[in-house]
Amino acid sequence: MIEAKTGATANVIWKDDATVIPLVIRPSHVVGRACTPPPDCRSINRANMKEHKKA
């Protein structure tokens, strides 16, 4: 599980809080021909990761 800055203040994760979002962390956003990611899949590359670390 990856921590997200959602503003949540509780010490526990409730069932209603757990939303699954397909996420890929790779050096590139390019998807190979043989790959079929889910329609709602998101990706983070090196540039995005630097932005997230600053936040």
Protein backbone atom coordinates (compact mmCIF):
# COMPACT_ATOMS: atom_id res chain seq x y z
CA MET A 1 0.00 0.00 0.00
CA ILE A 2 1.28 3.47 -0.84
CA GLU A 3 0.43 6.37 1.42
CA ALA A 4 -1.50 9.17 -0.26
CA LYS A 5 -1.93 12.69 1.05
CA THR A 6 -5.71 12.65 1.37
CA GLY A 7 -6.11 14.72 4.51
CA ALA A 8 -7.33 11.70 6.49
CA THR A 9 -6.69 11.97 10.23
CA ALA A 10 -7.79 8.56 11.57
CA ASN A 11 -5.26 5.97 12.74
CA VAL A 12 -7.10 3.17 10.93
CA ILE A 13 -8.17 2.54 7.34
CA TRP A 14 -11.89 1.92 7.11
CA LYS A 15 -13.50 -0.26 4.46
CA ASP A 16 -15.11 2.84 2.90
CA ASP A 17 -11.66 4.50 2.66
CA ALA A 18 -10.01 1.67 0.72
CA THR A 19 -10.36 2.40 -2.98
CA VAL A 20 -8.27 0.38 -5.41
CA ILE A 21 -6.56 2.34 -8.18
CA PRO A 22 -4.27 0.42 -10.54
CA LEU A 23 -0.88 2.12 -10.33
CA VAL A 24 2.39 1.39 -12.10
CA ILE A 25 5.69 3.00 -11.07
CA ARG A 26 8.14 2.78 -13.95
CA PRO A 27 10.77 4.99 -15.63
CA SER A 28 8.46 5.48 -18.64
CA HIS A 29 4.74 5.97 -19.37
CA VAL A 30 5.06 4.04 -22.66
CA VAL A 31 3.01 0.84 -22.72
CA GLY A 32 4.32 -2.09 -24.73
CA ARG A 33 2.27 -3.68 -27.53
CA ALA A 34 1.69 -6.90 -25.58
CA CYS A 35 0.52 -5.01 -22.47
CA THR A 36 -3.14 -4.36 -21.70
CA PRO A 37 -3.38 -2.12 -18.65
CA PRO A 38 -6.79 -1.54 -17.05
CA PRO A 39 -8.62 1.50 -18.48
CA ASP A 40 -8.24 3.43 -15.20
CA CYS A 41 -4.57 2.53 -14.68
CA ARG A 42 -2.27 5.38 -13.66
CA SER A 43 1.48 5.58 -13.91
CA ILE A 44 4.22 7.48 -12.13
CA ASN A 45 7.57 8.02 -13.83
CA ARG A 46 10.81 9.51 -12.46
CA ALA A 47 9.75 13.10 -13.15
CA ASN A 48 6.37 12.59 -11.45
CA MET A 49 8.04 10.89 -8.49
CA LYS A 50 10.24 13.96 -7.89
CA GLU A 51 7.11 16.15 -7.88
CA HIS A 52 5.34 13.83 -5.41
CA LYS A 53 8.37 13.79 -3.10
CA LYS A 54 8.39 17.62 -2.99
CA ALA A 55 4.69 17.76 -2.04
